[in-house]
Amino acid sequence: MGDRTQIEWTDATWNPTTGCTRVSAGCDHCYAAVLANGRLADIYLSRKPAKDTTGNRRDPFAVRLWPERLDYPLRWKDSRRIFVNSMSDLFHADIPEEFQRRVFEVMLEADHHIYQVLTKRPSRAERFVRRYADLFIGGVVPEHVWIGSSVESQDALYRVDQLRGVAATVRFLSCEPLLGPLALDLDSIDWVIVGGESGIGYRSLGLDWARSIRDQCLEAGVAFFFKQVGGRTPKAGGRLLDGRSWDEYPTMEGALAAEPWS
């Protein structure tokens, strides 16, 4: 019904949609695409894609909708941090806005959880929230639904400004896989995740890049989470940065209500 996960900054994953397309260098070794084309291929190919274009039907990583999964958070009675669409991007162009709205309606109803919605398409997130402002009190996404964007390199810095435009209470950045040094403007950003790449052909993390982002967060008073050094496997390089772990979360009221799922 739901997936336990070893992703360090969350407790569970919820995938009402699956599939995506590459948009930047951070996607080059996408773990979700590897899984979709591997052990999950038969499951995904059993479902018609959201947009059944020529050749799309036999692509396991084409965007697919799974409406039968929408009610999972409603069934989970214990509070959890939930990574929304670990195998997709809620704001992909192939996902109908009506389906996106249904996902948000579930998140608003099951408000005993914290939802971590991570996208590489924050401009679409901004348009959705603006267009469906009637969903939210005062037109602002509430504090238990965190909206974040992936920013893996200088080339993706434009996403920070786009994310700032989203009317959300909690905004976060995922600098994973971190591919180079970043000078971040952390105004209106509440949380930053940093991690190195793992898997076949992984690109090595420069620890000075991670240290720089940590220091920028400390200076700005922004929560910092160091996920992994990376390597051939996710745990190969460990999780320590300068001899300690960094497991900070946003501190606004309610943000830490979800205890780790055990």
Protein backbone atom coordinates (compact mmCIF):
# COMPACT_ATOMS: atom_id res chain seq x y z
CA MET A 1 0.00 0.00 0.00
CA GLY A 2 2.85 2.36 0.82
CA ASP A 3 6.59 2.11 0.54
CA ARG A 4 9.03 2.19 3.37
CA THR A 5 12.14 3.93 2.21
CA GLN A 6 15.81 4.23 3.01
CA ILE A 7 15.86 7.85 1.83
CA GLU A 8 17.32 9.52 4.88
CA TRP A 9 15.26 12.72 4.90
CA THR A 10 11.83 11.11 4.72
CA ASP A 11 9.85 8.22 6.20
CA ALA A 12 7.72 6.96 3.32
CA THR A 13 7.14 7.44 -0.38
CA TRP A 14 3.82 7.90 -2.16
CA ASN A 15 3.63 7.58 -5.92
CA PRO A 16 0.22 8.45 -7.35
CA THR A 17 2.11 9.02 -10.60
CA THR A 18 5.24 7.41 -12.04
CA GLY A 19 7.53 8.31 -14.90
CA CYS A 20 9.32 11.44 -16.02
CA THR A 21 11.61 12.90 -18.67
CA ARG A 22 15.13 14.30 -18.38
CA VAL A 23 15.46 18.08 -18.15
CA SER A 24 18.99 18.74 -16.85
CA ALA A 25 22.35 17.18 -15.93
CA GLY A 26 21.04 16.00 -12.57
CA CYS A 27 18.78 13.56 -14.45
CA ASP A 28 21.61 11.79 -16.29
CA HIS A 29 21.80 8.86 -13.86
CA CYS A 30 18.23 8.99 -12.56
CA TYR A 31 17.63 6.20 -10.03
CA ALA A 32 13.89 6.22 -10.79
CA ALA A 33 14.51 5.59 -14.48
CA VAL A 34 16.87 2.73 -13.62
CA LEU A 35 14.23 1.11 -11.40
CA ALA A 36 11.47 1.69 -13.95
CA ASN A 37 13.47 0.04 -16.70
CA GLY A 38 14.56 -2.77 -14.38
CA ARG A 39 12.61 -4.61 -11.72
CA LEU A 40 9.51 -2.39 -12.02
CA ALA A 41 9.21 -2.54 -15.81
CA ASP A 42 6.47 -5.17 -15.98
CA ILE A 43 4.34 -3.34 -13.42
CA TYR A 44 4.63 -0.02 -15.21
CA LEU A 45 4.07 -1.47 -18.69
CA SER A 46 0.77 -2.91 -17.46
CA ARG A 47 -0.62 0.64 -17.26
CA LYS A 48 -1.37 2.87 -20.25
CA PRO A 49 0.70 6.09 -20.19
CA ALA A 50 -0.99 9.36 -19.35
CA LYS A 51 -0.22 10.47 -22.91
CA ASP A 52 -0.07 7.47 -25.21
CA THR A 53 2.10 8.99 -27.93
CA THR A 54 3.91 6.96 -30.60
CA GLY A 55 6.36 4.58 -28.94
CA ASN A 56 5.36 5.75 -25.46
CA ARG A 57 3.42 2.57 -24.66
CA ARG A 58 6.59 0.48 -24.38
CA ASP A 59 8.52 3.00 -22.31
CA PRO A 60 8.34 1.92 -18.64
CA PHE A 61 9.32 5.43 -17.56
CA ALA A 62 6.58 7.23 -19.49
CA VAL A 63 4.33 9.22 -17.17
CA ARG A 64 1.52 7.06 -15.79
CA LEU A 65 -1.34 7.83 -13.39
CA TRP A 66 -2.27 5.51 -10.52
CA PRO A 67 -5.57 6.84 -9.10
CA GLU A 68 -5.99 3.76 -6.91
CA ARG A 69 -3.02 5.00 -4.87
CA LEU A 70 -4.53 8.39 -4.10
CA ASP A 71 -6.02 7.38 -0.76
CA TYR A 72 -2.88 5.84 0.75
CA PRO A 73 -2.12 8.76 3.10
CA LEU A 74 -5.72 8.67 4.34
CA ARG A 75 -5.16 5.07 5.48
CA TRP A 76 -1.94 5.85 7.35
CA LYS A 77 -3.00 6.85 10.86
CA ASP A 78 0.47 7.53 12.27
CA SER A 79 2.09 10.80 11.19
CA ARG A 80 4.84 10.45 8.60
CA ARG A 81 7.06 12.56 6.43
CA ILE A 82 6.00 11.52 2.93
CA PHE A 83 8.09 12.08 -0.19
CA VAL A 84 5.47 12.66 -2.91
CA ASN A 85 6.34 11.04 -6.23
CA SER A 86 9.79 9.63 -5.60
CA MET A 87 9.34 7.94 -9.00
CA SER A 88 8.00 10.94 -10.89
CA ASP A 89 7.49 14.72 -10.82
CA LEU A 90 4.04 15.94 -9.81
CA PHE A 91 4.41 18.98 -12.07
CA HIS A 92 5.39 17.12 -15.24
CA ALA A 93 3.53 18.44 -18.29
CA ASP A 94 1.97 15.02 -18.96
CA ILE A 95 0.10 14.98 -15.63
CA PRO A 96 -3.35 16.57 -16.02
CA GLU A 97 -4.00 19.48 -13.67
CA GLU A 98 -7.19 17.81 -12.47
CA PHE A 99 -5.13 14.85 -11.26
CA GLN A 100 -2.62 17.21 -9.61
CA ARG A 101 -5.55 18.84 -7.85
CA ARG A 102 -6.75 15.47 -6.55
CA VAL A 103 -3.30 14.80 -5.12
CA PHE A 104 -3.38 18.13 -3.31
CA GLU A 105 -6.89 17.48 -2.03
CA VAL A 106 -5.66 14.29 -0.38
CA MET A 107 -2.69 16.11 1.16
CA LEU A 108 -4.98 18.77 2.55
CA GLU A 109 -7.41 16.22 3.98
CA ALA A 110 -4.75 13.95 5.53
CA ASP A 111 -3.05 16.87 7.24
CA HIS A 112 -1.55 14.79 10.06
CA HIS A 113 1.33 14.01 7.67
CA ILE A 114 4.09 16.21 6.27
CA TYR A 115 4.39 16.04 2.47
CA GLN A 116 7.65 16.75 0.65
CA VAL A 117 6.84 17.64 -2.97
CA LEU A 118 10.07 17.86 -4.97
CA THR A 119 10.07 19.08 -8.57
CA LYS A 120 12.46 20.12 -11.31
CA ARG A 121 9.61 22.22 -12.72
CA PRO A 122 8.93 24.92 -10.09
CA SER A 123 7.48 27.28 -12.69
CA ARG A 124 4.66 24.79 -13.25
CA ALA A 125 4.24 24.48 -9.48
CA GLU A 126 3.84 28.26 -9.28
CA ARG A 127 1.22 28.28 -12.03
CA PHE A 128 -0.70 25.41 -10.43
CA VAL A 129 -0.83 27.01 -6.99
CA ARG A 130 -1.88 30.35 -8.48
CA ARG A 131 -4.54 28.77 -10.68
CA TYR A 132 -5.99 26.64 -7.88
CA ALA A 133 -5.62 29.17 -5.09
CA ASP A 134 -9.15 28.26 -3.96
CA LEU A 135 -7.70 25.05 -2.51
CA PHE A 136 -5.63 26.89 0.05
CA ILE A 137 -6.50 29.28 2.87
CA GLY A 138 -5.36 32.69 1.70
CA GLY A 139 -4.10 31.08 -1.51
CA VAL A 140 -0.96 29.78 0.27
CA VAL A 141 0.07 26.10 0.45
CA PRO A 142 -0.03 25.25 4.19
CA GLU A 143 2.96 24.37 6.33
CA HIS A 144 2.46 20.59 6.24
CA VAL A 145 2.97 20.54 2.43
CA TRP A 146 6.56 21.45 1.62
CA ILE A 147 7.34 22.50 -1.94
CA GLY A 148 10.91 21.98 -3.14
CA SER A 149 13.04 22.08 -6.25
CA SER A 150 16.17 20.22 -7.36
CA VAL A 151 19.19 22.48 -7.90
CA GLU A 152 22.22 20.38 -8.78
CA SER A 153 24.46 22.93 -10.48
CA GLN A 154 24.87 26.59 -11.36
CA ASP A 155 22.92 25.92 -14.56
CA ALA A 156 19.84 25.10 -12.46
CA LEU A 157 19.99 28.14 -10.16
CA TYR A 158 17.08 29.75 -12.02
CA ARG A 159 14.84 27.22 -10.26
CA VAL A 160 15.48 28.90 -6.91
CA ASP A 161 13.88 32.11 -8.12
CA GLN A 162 11.01 30.16 -9.66
CA LEU A 163 10.49 28.28 -6.38
CA ARG A 164 10.42 31.56 -4.47
CA GLY A 165 7.44 32.51 -6.61
CA VAL A 166 5.38 29.58 -5.31
CA ALA A 167 2.90 30.70 -2.65
CA ALA A 168 4.00 28.13 -0.08
CA THR A 169 4.71 28.28 3.64
CA VAL A 170 7.70 25.92 3.43
CA ARG A 171 10.12 25.87 0.48
CA PHE A 172 13.18 23.67 0.16
CA LEU A 173 16.06 22.84 -2.17
CA SER A 174 17.50 19.44 -2.99
CA CYS A 175 21.09 19.85 -4.17
CA GLU A 176 21.42 16.21 -5.12
CA PRO A 177 23.30 15.00 -6.95
CA LEU A 178 25.46 18.05 -6.26
CA LEU A 179 27.59 18.45 -9.39
CA GLY A 180 29.58 21.58 -8.58
CA PRO A 181 29.87 24.61 -6.31
CA LEU A 182 26.73 26.66 -5.70
CA ALA A 183 26.30 30.21 -4.49
CA LEU A 184 22.72 30.22 -3.26
CA ASP A 185 20.31 33.03 -2.53
CA LEU A 186 18.47 31.50 0.44
CA ASP A 187 15.92 34.24 0.90
CA SER A 188 12.52 32.58 1.61
CA ILE A 189 14.12 29.10 1.56
CA ASP A 190 13.57 27.00 4.70
CA TRP A 191 15.57 23.83 4.11
CA VAL A 192 18.45 22.58 1.95
CA ILE A 193 19.35 18.93 1.26
CA VAL A 194 22.81 18.12 -0.13
CA GLY A 195 23.98 14.75 -1.39
CA GLY A 196 26.47 13.11 -3.70
CA GLU A 197 25.53 10.83 -6.57
CA SER A 198 25.49 7.05 -6.29
CA GLY A 199 25.25 4.16 -8.73
CA ILE A 200 27.07 3.06 -11.85
CA GLY A 201 28.98 5.96 -13.40
CA TYR A 202 28.44 8.20 -10.38
CA ARG A 203 30.00 11.66 -10.45
CA SER A 204 32.08 12.35 -7.37
CA LEU A 205 31.03 14.93 -4.81
CA GLY A 206 33.47 17.70 -3.94
CA LEU A 207 33.24 17.95 -0.16
CA ASP A 208 34.17 21.62 -0.33
CA TRP A 209 31.00 22.16 -2.39
CA ALA A 210 28.95 20.59 0.41
CA ARG A 211 30.81 22.55 3.09
CA SER A 212 30.14 25.80 1.26
CA ILE A 213 26.39 25.14 1.13
CA ARG A 214 26.40 24.12 4.80
CA ASP A 215 28.11 27.38 5.70
CA GLN A 216 25.69 29.38 3.57
CA CYS A 217 22.80 27.72 5.42
CA LEU A 218 24.37 28.39 8.82
CA GLU A 219 24.84 32.04 7.94
CA ALA A 220 21.27 32.38 6.67
CA GLY A 221 19.68 30.38 9.49
CA VAL A 222 18.38 27.73 7.08
CA ALA A 223 18.06 24.07 8.06
CA PHE A 224 20.74 21.87 6.43
CA PHE A 225 20.52 18.13 5.75
CA PHE A 226 23.52 16.19 4.42
CA LYS A 227 22.19 13.00 2.85
CA GLN A 228 25.32 11.19 1.63
CA VAL A 229 28.78 11.48 0.18
CA GLY A 230 27.80 8.98 -2.52
CA GLY A 231 29.74 6.37 -4.44
CA ARG A 232 29.08 3.06 -6.12
CA THR A 233 26.26 2.49 -3.59
CA PRO A 234 24.32 5.12 -1.61
CA LYS A 235 26.08 4.15 1.61
CA ALA A 236 29.57 3.80 0.12
CA GLY A 237 30.84 7.19 1.23
CA GLY A 238 28.85 7.45 4.44
CA ARG A 239 26.86 10.42 5.71
CA LEU A 240 29.39 12.37 7.74
CA LEU A 241 30.55 15.84 6.80
CA ASP A 242 33.55 16.99 8.81
CA GLY A 243 33.06 14.20 11.30
CA ARG A 244 29.38 14.68 12.09
CA SER A 245 25.95 14.13 10.65
CA TRP A 246 23.70 17.00 9.62
CA ASP A 247 20.04 16.06 9.98
CA GLU A 248 18.27 19.40 10.36
CA TYR A 249 14.66 20.08 9.37
CA PRO A 250 12.61 23.27 9.14
CA THR A 251 11.56 24.39 12.61
CA MET A 252 8.23 26.13 12.04
CA GLU A 253 5.33 24.88 14.11
CA GLY A 254 4.22 21.42 13.00
CA ALA A 255 7.16 20.73 10.73
CA LEU A 256 8.70 18.23 13.12
CA ALA A 257 5.45 16.57 14.13
CA ALA A 258 6.17 13.45 12.08
CA GLU A 259 8.41 11.00 13.91
CA PRO A 260 10.49 8.54 11.86
CA TRP A 261 8.38 5.64 10.63
CA SER A 262 9.51 2.48 12.44
